[in-house]
Amino acid sequence: MSGVSRSANRDKFGSIEIGRGIAALLVVLHHTGSIMSEPRFFGAEPFNSHFNNFNVGVDFFFVLSGFIITWIHWSDIGRKERIRSFAAKRFVRIYPPYWFILVPLVILYLVFTGAGQPSQRDPINIILSILLLPNVIPPVLGVAWTLTHEIFFYALFAVIIWAGRKALWILPAWALAIVAANLLVTFQAIGSLAFPFSFILSPFNIEFIMGVGAAMILRHARIPVPYLIATLGVVGFFILTWFFVNIQDDPLVGRLAFGTASMLFVLGAVEIERHRSLNVPRFLLAFGASSYALYLVHPVVLSFSINLSSRLGISTYFSLNIIAIMIAFVATAFGIFYHYLIERRLIRFARRIVEPRREIQPTDRYPAENDESSGIKSEQKVSRVEA
């Protein structure tokens, strides 16, 4: 490896956007299968339960989040005055689109007491869910458990921005603590980790650190044979997903395995694109830009669609596999609509209120805001990486 010039440190990567979209689709398919398999609905999983393996899309998201935050905010580290801007950007990107889904859901569970679980009406859990703070029970919107890890990581990264780059040593120390604690649990040297240690030392957190490591490597070095590295990441991820299903059941080994595959893809893909732009189809960039919206919306759409489908008895006319594909398509379409019709407008509105006006520059704009009509700056340029 050799040093990297400033001109190579670009922040537009179409392959990363595609990866985000695929990861979101994997999560949608996973939840499609798991919800359909519930006895109250169809009582069986489509495609011989293969959808059950696709929850690993979350692993890619965690690695990607660590990479993006470090890549975009690397120059902010050590500049205390940038903490406010960092916090504002993270708040605007995460909370308004999330609250727009959460608040109606909370009202639904409070009004219709037969819906959902008792924990989804618990006042403390509702408050913690709104704030995206960790809890011993799942949040009201189930998929938001990943967002609680995101917010924790953002808070830690804010500390690093304040303290400077010497504080980056917090991350390998944190990783070693996660590995040590989980190995002790695996070999029964200690019992299971109690909350909040089960959250702080969750193996999922190590994937954020792997993403940070990828960004630091790319900021300071060139990656040799990037096409090979990216291919190894993609092929490795596929092989682990399809042929080593049981590895997902090991919290530590599974996260290290899928995290490593994700990290390899990021290293190779970014190295390729920062020196040579890829002609990525606009619809794929749009799909990637919609990934967060899709992640938020799909559980609600799936639950409603699967409930309605089972009540209408459409299994009489279509196979379980066809029903699953149709329902997943509907959820994906709703996610894209939510992104373009609601999420982008919420972010723009919130930014006017929260973010410091003098610090909003054209290069700070989110992918969804680069073009009012399409969310993409141009056909020749790839969309900007953003968390």
Protein backbone atom coordinates (compact mmCIF):
# COMPACT_ATOMS: atom_id res chain seq x y z
CA MET A 1 0.00 0.00 0.00
CA SER A 2 1.05 3.59 -0.53
CA GLY A 3 -0.16 6.96 0.66
CA VAL A 4 -3.37 8.47 -0.70
CA SER A 5 -3.62 11.95 -2.14
CA ARG A 6 -6.33 14.34 -1.08
CA SER A 7 -7.90 14.19 -4.54
CA ALA A 8 -8.56 10.49 -4.09
CA ASN A 9 -10.59 11.04 -0.92
CA ARG A 10 -13.89 11.54 -2.70
CA ASP A 11 -17.22 10.84 -1.05
CA LYS A 12 -19.42 9.55 -3.87
CA PHE A 13 -19.64 5.75 -4.17
CA GLY A 14 -22.38 4.15 -6.23
CA SER A 15 -21.40 0.60 -5.27
CA ILE A 16 -21.98 1.45 -1.61
CA GLU A 17 -25.46 2.72 -2.45
CA ILE A 18 -26.20 -0.53 -4.27
CA GLY A 19 -24.93 -2.46 -1.26
CA ARG A 20 -27.24 -0.52 1.02
CA GLY A 21 -30.24 -1.30 -1.14
CA ILE A 22 -29.43 -5.02 -1.31
CA ALA A 23 -28.89 -5.20 2.45
CA ALA A 24 -32.26 -3.53 3.06
CA LEU A 25 -33.95 -5.97 0.66
CA LEU A 26 -32.37 -8.92 2.50
CA VAL A 27 -33.89 -7.69 5.76
CA VAL A 28 -37.30 -7.27 4.08
CA LEU A 29 -37.18 -10.85 2.77
CA HIS A 30 -36.10 -12.16 6.17
CA HIS A 31 -39.05 -10.53 7.92
CA THR A 32 -41.43 -11.57 5.13
CA GLY A 33 -40.60 -15.20 5.80
CA SER A 34 -40.62 -14.95 9.59
CA ILE A 35 -43.99 -13.14 9.77
CA MET A 36 -45.63 -15.46 7.23
CA SER A 37 -44.50 -18.46 9.27
CA GLU A 38 -46.49 -17.36 12.33
CA PRO A 39 -49.37 -19.79 13.04
CA ARG A 40 -51.93 -16.97 12.99
CA PHE A 41 -51.02 -16.25 9.37
CA PHE A 42 -49.72 -18.91 6.94
CA GLY A 43 -47.89 -21.12 9.44
CA ALA A 44 -45.06 -21.92 7.03
CA GLU A 45 -42.01 -20.15 5.59
CA PRO A 46 -41.66 -19.61 1.84
CA PHE A 47 -38.68 -20.87 -0.18
CA ASN A 48 -37.89 -23.68 2.28
CA SER A 49 -37.01 -21.17 5.02
CA HIS A 50 -34.09 -19.69 3.05
CA PHE A 51 -35.38 -16.18 3.78
CA ASN A 52 -34.55 -16.85 7.41
CA ASN A 53 -30.84 -16.51 6.56
CA PHE A 54 -31.19 -12.98 5.21
CA ASN A 55 -31.18 -11.17 8.55
CA VAL A 56 -27.44 -10.71 7.95
CA GLY A 57 -28.23 -7.60 5.94
CA VAL A 58 -28.03 -5.88 9.34
CA ASP A 59 -24.35 -6.87 9.64
CA PHE A 60 -23.54 -4.96 6.46
CA PHE A 61 -25.46 -1.92 7.70
CA PHE A 62 -23.44 -1.78 10.93
CA VAL A 63 -20.09 -1.99 9.13
CA LEU A 64 -21.24 0.57 6.58
CA SER A 65 -22.41 2.96 9.28
CA GLY A 66 -19.04 2.88 11.01
CA PHE A 67 -17.31 3.50 7.68
CA ILE A 68 -19.58 6.35 6.60
CA ILE A 69 -19.42 8.29 9.86
CA THR A 70 -15.64 8.06 10.01
CA TRP A 71 -15.15 8.79 6.31
CA ILE A 72 -17.42 11.84 6.26
CA HIS A 73 -16.41 13.26 9.65
CA TRP A 74 -12.71 12.39 9.70
CA SER A 75 -11.67 16.03 9.42
CA ASP A 76 -14.00 16.94 12.32
CA ILE A 77 -12.08 14.84 14.85
CA GLY A 78 -10.31 17.11 17.29
CA ARG A 79 -12.46 20.13 16.38
CA LYS A 80 -14.78 20.63 19.33
CA GLU A 81 -16.78 23.26 17.49
CA ARG A 82 -17.92 20.59 15.01
CA ILE A 83 -19.73 18.48 17.61
CA ARG A 84 -22.91 20.51 17.30
CA SER A 85 -22.95 20.12 13.52
CA PHE A 86 -22.22 16.40 13.80
CA ALA A 87 -25.01 15.86 16.34
CA ALA A 88 -27.46 17.92 14.28
CA LYS A 89 -26.78 15.94 11.13
CA ARG A 90 -27.14 12.62 12.91
CA PHE A 91 -30.34 13.74 14.65
CA VAL A 92 -31.94 14.98 11.44
CA ARG A 93 -31.01 11.86 9.49
CA ILE A 94 -32.32 9.37 12.07
CA TYR A 95 -35.08 10.76 14.27
CA PRO A 96 -37.70 12.62 12.14
CA PRO A 97 -38.25 9.77 9.62
CA TYR A 98 -38.31 7.31 12.53
CA TRP A 99 -40.76 9.32 14.62
CA PHE A 100 -43.11 9.67 11.65
CA ILE A 101 -43.52 5.87 11.74
CA LEU A 102 -43.29 5.38 15.49
CA VAL A 103 -45.85 7.91 16.74
CA PRO A 104 -48.85 6.50 14.79
CA LEU A 105 -47.76 3.02 15.86
CA VAL A 106 -47.72 4.01 19.54
CA ILE A 107 -51.17 5.58 19.20
CA LEU A 108 -52.45 2.42 17.52
CA TYR A 109 -51.21 0.19 20.35
CA LEU A 110 -52.61 2.52 23.03
CA VAL A 111 -56.04 2.78 21.40
CA PHE A 112 -56.40 -0.86 20.32
CA THR A 113 -55.19 -2.73 23.38
CA GLY A 114 -55.62 -6.08 21.66
CA ALA A 115 -52.97 -5.24 19.10
CA GLY A 116 -49.29 -5.87 19.64
CA GLN A 117 -47.64 -6.88 22.90
CA PRO A 118 -48.07 -5.42 26.41
CA SER A 119 -44.48 -4.14 26.25
CA GLN A 120 -45.49 -1.93 23.31
CA ARG A 121 -47.87 -0.07 25.63
CA ASP A 122 -45.42 0.21 28.51
CA PRO A 123 -44.84 3.94 29.20
CA ILE A 124 -41.13 3.55 29.98
CA ASN A 125 -40.56 1.47 26.87
CA ILE A 126 -42.43 4.04 24.77
CA ILE A 127 -40.22 6.86 26.09
CA LEU A 128 -37.02 4.88 25.56
CA SER A 129 -38.22 3.92 22.07
CA ILE A 130 -38.87 7.56 21.19
CA LEU A 131 -35.38 8.52 22.33
CA LEU A 132 -33.79 5.38 20.84
CA LEU A 133 -32.21 4.48 24.15
CA PRO A 134 -31.45 0.83 24.98
CA ASN A 135 -33.85 -1.24 27.06
CA VAL A 136 -34.06 -4.80 28.29
CA ILE A 137 -37.15 -5.36 26.15
CA PRO A 138 -37.55 -4.73 22.38
CA PRO A 139 -38.57 -1.21 21.29
CA VAL A 140 -42.10 -0.47 20.12
CA LEU A 141 -40.95 -0.61 16.49
CA GLY A 142 -39.01 -3.86 16.62
CA VAL A 143 -36.37 -3.05 14.00
CA ALA A 144 -35.35 0.04 15.99
CA TRP A 145 -33.10 -2.14 18.15
CA THR A 146 -30.41 -1.53 15.53
CA LEU A 147 -30.94 2.22 15.81
CA THR A 148 -30.25 2.14 19.56
CA HIS A 149 -26.81 0.76 18.69
CA GLU A 150 -26.42 3.49 16.06
CA ILE A 151 -27.19 6.26 18.55
CA PHE A 152 -24.77 4.76 21.09
CA PHE A 153 -22.05 4.68 18.44
CA TYR A 154 -22.80 8.27 17.41
CA ALA A 155 -22.48 9.39 21.03
CA LEU A 156 -19.14 7.65 21.34
CA PHE A 157 -17.94 9.17 18.08
CA ALA A 158 -18.94 12.62 19.38
CA VAL A 159 -16.63 11.99 22.35
CA ILE A 160 -13.85 11.15 19.89
CA ILE A 161 -14.50 14.37 17.94
CA TRP A 162 -14.23 16.31 21.20
CA ALA A 163 -11.12 14.52 22.51
CA GLY A 164 -9.21 14.26 19.23
CA ARG A 165 -7.67 11.38 17.32
CA LYS A 166 -5.80 10.08 20.35
CA ALA A 167 -9.22 8.99 21.62
CA LEU A 168 -9.56 6.58 18.70
CA TRP A 169 -7.85 4.06 20.95
CA ILE A 170 -11.22 3.76 22.67
CA LEU A 171 -12.44 1.70 19.71
CA PRO A 172 -9.86 -1.16 19.70
CA ALA A 173 -10.13 -1.27 23.49
CA TRP A 174 -13.90 -1.58 23.14
CA ALA A 175 -13.48 -4.32 20.53
CA LEU A 176 -11.13 -6.30 22.78
CA ALA A 177 -13.60 -5.98 25.67
CA ILE A 178 -16.42 -7.27 23.44
CA VAL A 179 -14.39 -10.25 22.27
CA ALA A 180 -13.14 -11.10 25.78
CA ALA A 181 -16.58 -10.83 27.39
CA ASN A 182 -18.27 -12.98 24.77
CA LEU A 183 -15.53 -15.61 24.85
CA LEU A 184 -15.97 -15.86 28.61
CA VAL A 185 -19.70 -16.42 28.06
CA THR A 186 -19.05 -18.97 25.28
CA PHE A 187 -16.70 -21.04 27.43
CA GLN A 188 -19.04 -20.63 30.42
CA ALA A 189 -16.43 -18.87 32.50
CA ILE A 190 -19.18 -16.41 33.35
CA GLY A 191 -22.93 -16.45 32.92
CA SER A 192 -24.78 -14.43 30.30
CA LEU A 193 -24.08 -10.72 30.34
CA ALA A 194 -26.66 -8.68 32.23
CA PHE A 195 -28.08 -5.44 30.90
CA PRO A 196 -26.59 -2.89 30.21
CA PHE A 197 -23.39 -4.89 29.61
CA SER A 198 -25.25 -7.13 27.17
CA PHE A 199 -25.87 -3.98 25.10
CA ILE A 200 -22.51 -2.26 25.45
CA LEU A 201 -20.59 -5.49 24.82
CA SER A 202 -22.88 -6.80 22.09
CA PRO A 203 -20.91 -8.35 19.21
CA PHE A 204 -22.91 -6.17 16.82
CA ASN A 205 -20.98 -3.17 18.13
CA ILE A 206 -17.74 -4.65 16.88
CA GLU A 207 -19.03 -4.23 13.32
CA PHE A 208 -19.15 -0.45 13.77
CA ILE A 209 -15.50 -0.62 14.80
CA MET A 210 -14.67 -2.65 11.70
CA GLY A 211 -16.29 0.05 9.58
CA VAL A 212 -14.22 2.70 11.35
CA GLY A 213 -11.12 0.62 10.65
CA ALA A 214 -12.00 0.43 6.94
CA ALA A 215 -12.36 4.22 6.75
CA MET A 216 -9.06 4.81 8.53
CA ILE A 217 -7.23 2.40 6.22
CA LEU A 218 -8.72 4.05 3.14
CA ARG A 219 -7.89 7.53 4.43
CA HIS A 220 -4.21 6.66 4.76
CA ALA A 221 -3.45 3.96 2.22
CA ARG A 222 -4.27 2.48 -1.14
CA ILE A 223 -5.76 -1.00 -1.29
CA PRO A 224 -3.95 -3.44 -3.59
CA VAL A 225 -6.01 -5.54 -6.05
CA PRO A 226 -9.27 -3.81 -5.05
CA TYR A 227 -11.40 -5.81 -7.50
CA LEU A 228 -10.22 -9.02 -5.85
CA ILE A 229 -10.80 -7.62 -2.35
CA ALA A 230 -14.34 -6.49 -3.19
CA THR A 231 -15.11 -9.81 -4.88
CA LEU A 232 -13.85 -11.75 -1.86
CA GLY A 233 -16.17 -9.68 0.31
CA VAL A 234 -19.23 -10.32 -1.85
CA VAL A 235 -18.53 -14.01 -2.43
CA GLY A 236 -17.64 -14.54 1.21
CA PHE A 237 -20.86 -12.89 2.35
CA PHE A 238 -22.89 -15.03 -0.05
CA ILE A 239 -21.19 -18.29 0.97
CA LEU A 240 -21.63 -17.54 4.66
CA THR A 241 -25.30 -16.67 4.13
CA TRP A 242 -26.19 -19.65 1.98
CA PHE A 243 -23.97 -22.49 3.15
CA PHE A 244 -22.96 -21.68 6.72
CA VAL A 245 -26.34 -20.91 8.23
CA ASN A 246 -25.38 -22.09 11.72
CA ILE A 247 -22.59 -19.54 11.98
CA GLN A 248 -25.24 -16.86 12.41
CA ASP A 249 -26.30 -18.49 15.66
CA ASP A 250 -22.93 -17.76 17.25
CA PRO A 251 -23.18 -14.09 18.31
CA LEU A 252 -19.45 -13.40 18.23
CA VAL A 253 -18.19 -15.64 15.41
CA GLY A 254 -21.15 -14.73 13.19
CA ARG A 255 -20.58 -11.00 13.59
CA LEU A 256 -16.85 -11.33 13.01
CA ALA A 257 -17.43 -13.45 9.89
CA PHE A 258 -20.09 -11.28 8.25
CA GLY A 259 -18.39 -8.12 9.47
CA THR A 260 -15.14 -9.16 7.83
CA ALA A 261 -16.87 -9.95 4.53
CA SER A 262 -18.64 -6.58 4.65
CA MET A 263 -15.41 -4.78 5.46
CA LEU A 264 -13.62 -6.41 2.52
CA PHE A 265 -16.35 -5.27 0.14
CA VAL A 266 -16.20 -1.70 1.46
CA LEU A 267 -12.41 -1.59 1.19
CA GLY A 268 -12.37 -2.88 -2.37
CA ALA A 269 -15.41 -0.98 -3.65
CA VAL A 270 -14.33 2.38 -2.26
CA GLU A 271 -10.77 1.95 -3.54
CA ILE A 272 -12.12 1.23 -7.03
CA GLU A 273 -14.52 4.14 -7.10
CA ARG A 274 -12.42 6.86 -5.61
CA HIS A 275 -10.16 6.56 -8.62
CA ARG A 276 -12.72 5.68 -11.26
CA SER A 277 -16.43 6.53 -11.29
CA LEU A 278 -18.87 3.74 -12.05
CA ASN A 279 -21.86 4.21 -14.33
CA VAL A 280 -24.50 2.98 -11.90
CA PRO A 281 -28.12 2.94 -13.15
CA ARG A 282 -30.24 5.68 -11.64
CA PHE A 283 -32.87 3.29 -10.30
CA LEU A 284 -30.24 1.38 -8.30
CA LEU A 285 -28.95 4.60 -6.76
CA ALA A 286 -32.52 5.57 -5.93
CA PHE A 287 -33.10 2.17 -4.34
CA GLY A 288 -29.98 2.55 -2.21
CA ALA A 289 -30.98 6.06 -1.15
CA SER A 290 -34.33 4.62 0.01
CA SER A 291 -32.74 1.95 2.22
CA TYR A 292 -33.35 3.68 5.57
CA ALA A 293 -36.95 4.49 4.68
CA LEU A 294 -37.47 0.91 3.56
CA TYR A 295 -35.96 -0.37 6.80
CA LEU A 296 -38.37 1.72 8.87
CA VAL A 297 -41.54 1.12 6.88
CA HIS A 298 -41.35 -2.53 5.92
CA PRO A 299 -42.34 -4.17 9.26
CA VAL A 300 -45.63 -2.26 9.38
CA VAL A 301 -46.42 -2.86 5.70
CA LEU A 302 -45.52 -6.54 5.96
CA SER A 303 -47.68 -7.09 9.04
CA PHE A 304 -50.68 -5.43 7.43
CA SER A 305 -50.19 -7.12 4.03
CA ILE A 306 -49.63 -10.59 5.44
CA ASN A 307 -52.59 -10.26 7.81
CA LEU A 308 -54.85 -9.13 4.97
CA SER A 309 -53.58 -11.84 2.62
CA SER A 310 -54.18 -14.61 5.13
CA ARG A 311 -57.70 -13.35 5.86
CA LEU A 312 -58.54 -13.18 2.16
CA GLY A 313 -57.31 -16.74 1.66
CA ILE A 314 -55.14 -15.93 -1.34
CA SER A 315 -53.10 -19.07 -0.68
CA THR A 316 -55.94 -20.84 -2.48
CA TYR A 317 -54.92 -19.13 -5.70
CA PHE A 318 -51.17 -18.61 -5.34
CA SER A 319 -48.28 -20.60 -3.94
CA LEU A 320 -46.60 -19.48 -0.73
CA ASN A 321 -43.50 -18.46 -2.67
CA ILE A 322 -45.44 -16.22 -5.06
CA ILE A 323 -47.31 -14.62 -2.15
CA ALA A 324 -44.02 -13.89 -0.38
CA ILE A 325 -42.56 -12.21 -3.46
CA MET A 326 -45.67 -10.09 -3.99
CA ILE A 327 -45.79 -8.99 -0.36
CA ALA A 328 -42.06 -8.18 -0.28
CA PHE A 329 -42.51 -6.15 -3.47
CA VAL A 330 -45.35 -4.17 -1.90
CA ALA A 331 -43.25 -3.44 1.22
CA THR A 332 -40.30 -2.35 -0.93
CA ALA A 333 -42.50 -0.07 -3.03
CA PHE A 334 -43.91 1.55 0.11
CA GLY A 335 -40.38 2.12 1.39
CA ILE A 336 -39.39 3.91 -1.81
CA PHE A 337 -42.57 5.98 -1.78
CA TYR A 338 -41.96 6.90 1.86
CA HIS A 339 -38.45 8.04 1.02
CA TYR A 340 -39.43 10.29 -1.88
CA LEU A 341 -42.77 11.56 -0.60
CA ILE A 342 -42.09 11.95 3.12
CA GLU A 343 -38.57 11.20 4.37
CA ARG A 344 -36.77 13.74 2.16
CA ARG A 345 -39.25 16.48 3.08
CA LEU A 346 -38.95 15.68 6.78
CA ILE A 347 -35.17 15.88 6.58
CA ARG A 348 -35.22 19.19 4.72
CA PHE A 349 -37.68 20.67 7.21
CA ALA A 350 -35.74 19.43 10.23
CA ARG A 351 -32.43 20.67 8.84
CA ARG A 352 -33.76 24.22 8.59
CA ILE A 353 -34.58 24.08 12.29
CA VAL A 354 -31.71 22.07 13.74
CA GLU A 355 -28.56 22.47 11.67
CA PRO A 356 -26.47 25.65 11.92
CA ARG A 357 -27.20 27.67 8.77
CA ARG A 358 -23.65 28.86 8.23
CA GLU A 359 -22.37 25.26 8.21
CA ILE A 360 -24.78 23.92 5.59
CA GLN A 361 -22.75 23.68 2.40
CA PRO A 362 -23.66 22.07 -0.94
CA THR A 363 -21.26 19.21 -0.18
CA ASP A 364 -23.18 18.48 3.04
CA ARG A 365 -26.37 17.62 1.22
CA TYR A 366 -27.85 14.19 1.57
CA PRO A 367 -28.30 11.90 -1.43
CA ALA A 368 -32.02 12.49 -1.35
CA GLU A 369 -31.50 16.22 -1.71
CA ASN A 370 -29.01 16.41 -4.56
CA ASP A 371 -31.80 16.71 -7.11
CA GLU A 372 -35.36 17.72 -6.29
CA SER A 373 -36.79 15.59 -9.06
CA SER A 374 -34.86 12.36 -8.71
CA GLY A 375 -32.71 12.45 -5.60
CA ILE A 376 -29.64 11.89 -7.76
CA LYS A 377 -27.29 14.67 -8.81
CA SER A 378 -26.82 13.45 -12.39
CA GLU A 379 -26.63 10.32 -14.44
CA GLN A 380 -22.88 10.64 -14.71
CA LYS A 381 -22.27 11.14 -10.98
CA VAL A 382 -22.90 8.60 -8.26
CA SER A 383 -24.84 9.53 -5.17
CA ARG A 384 -23.10 10.74 -2.05
CA VAL A 385 -22.52 8.25 0.74
CA GLU A 386 -24.52 9.14 3.81
CA ALA A 387 -25.60 7.24 6.88
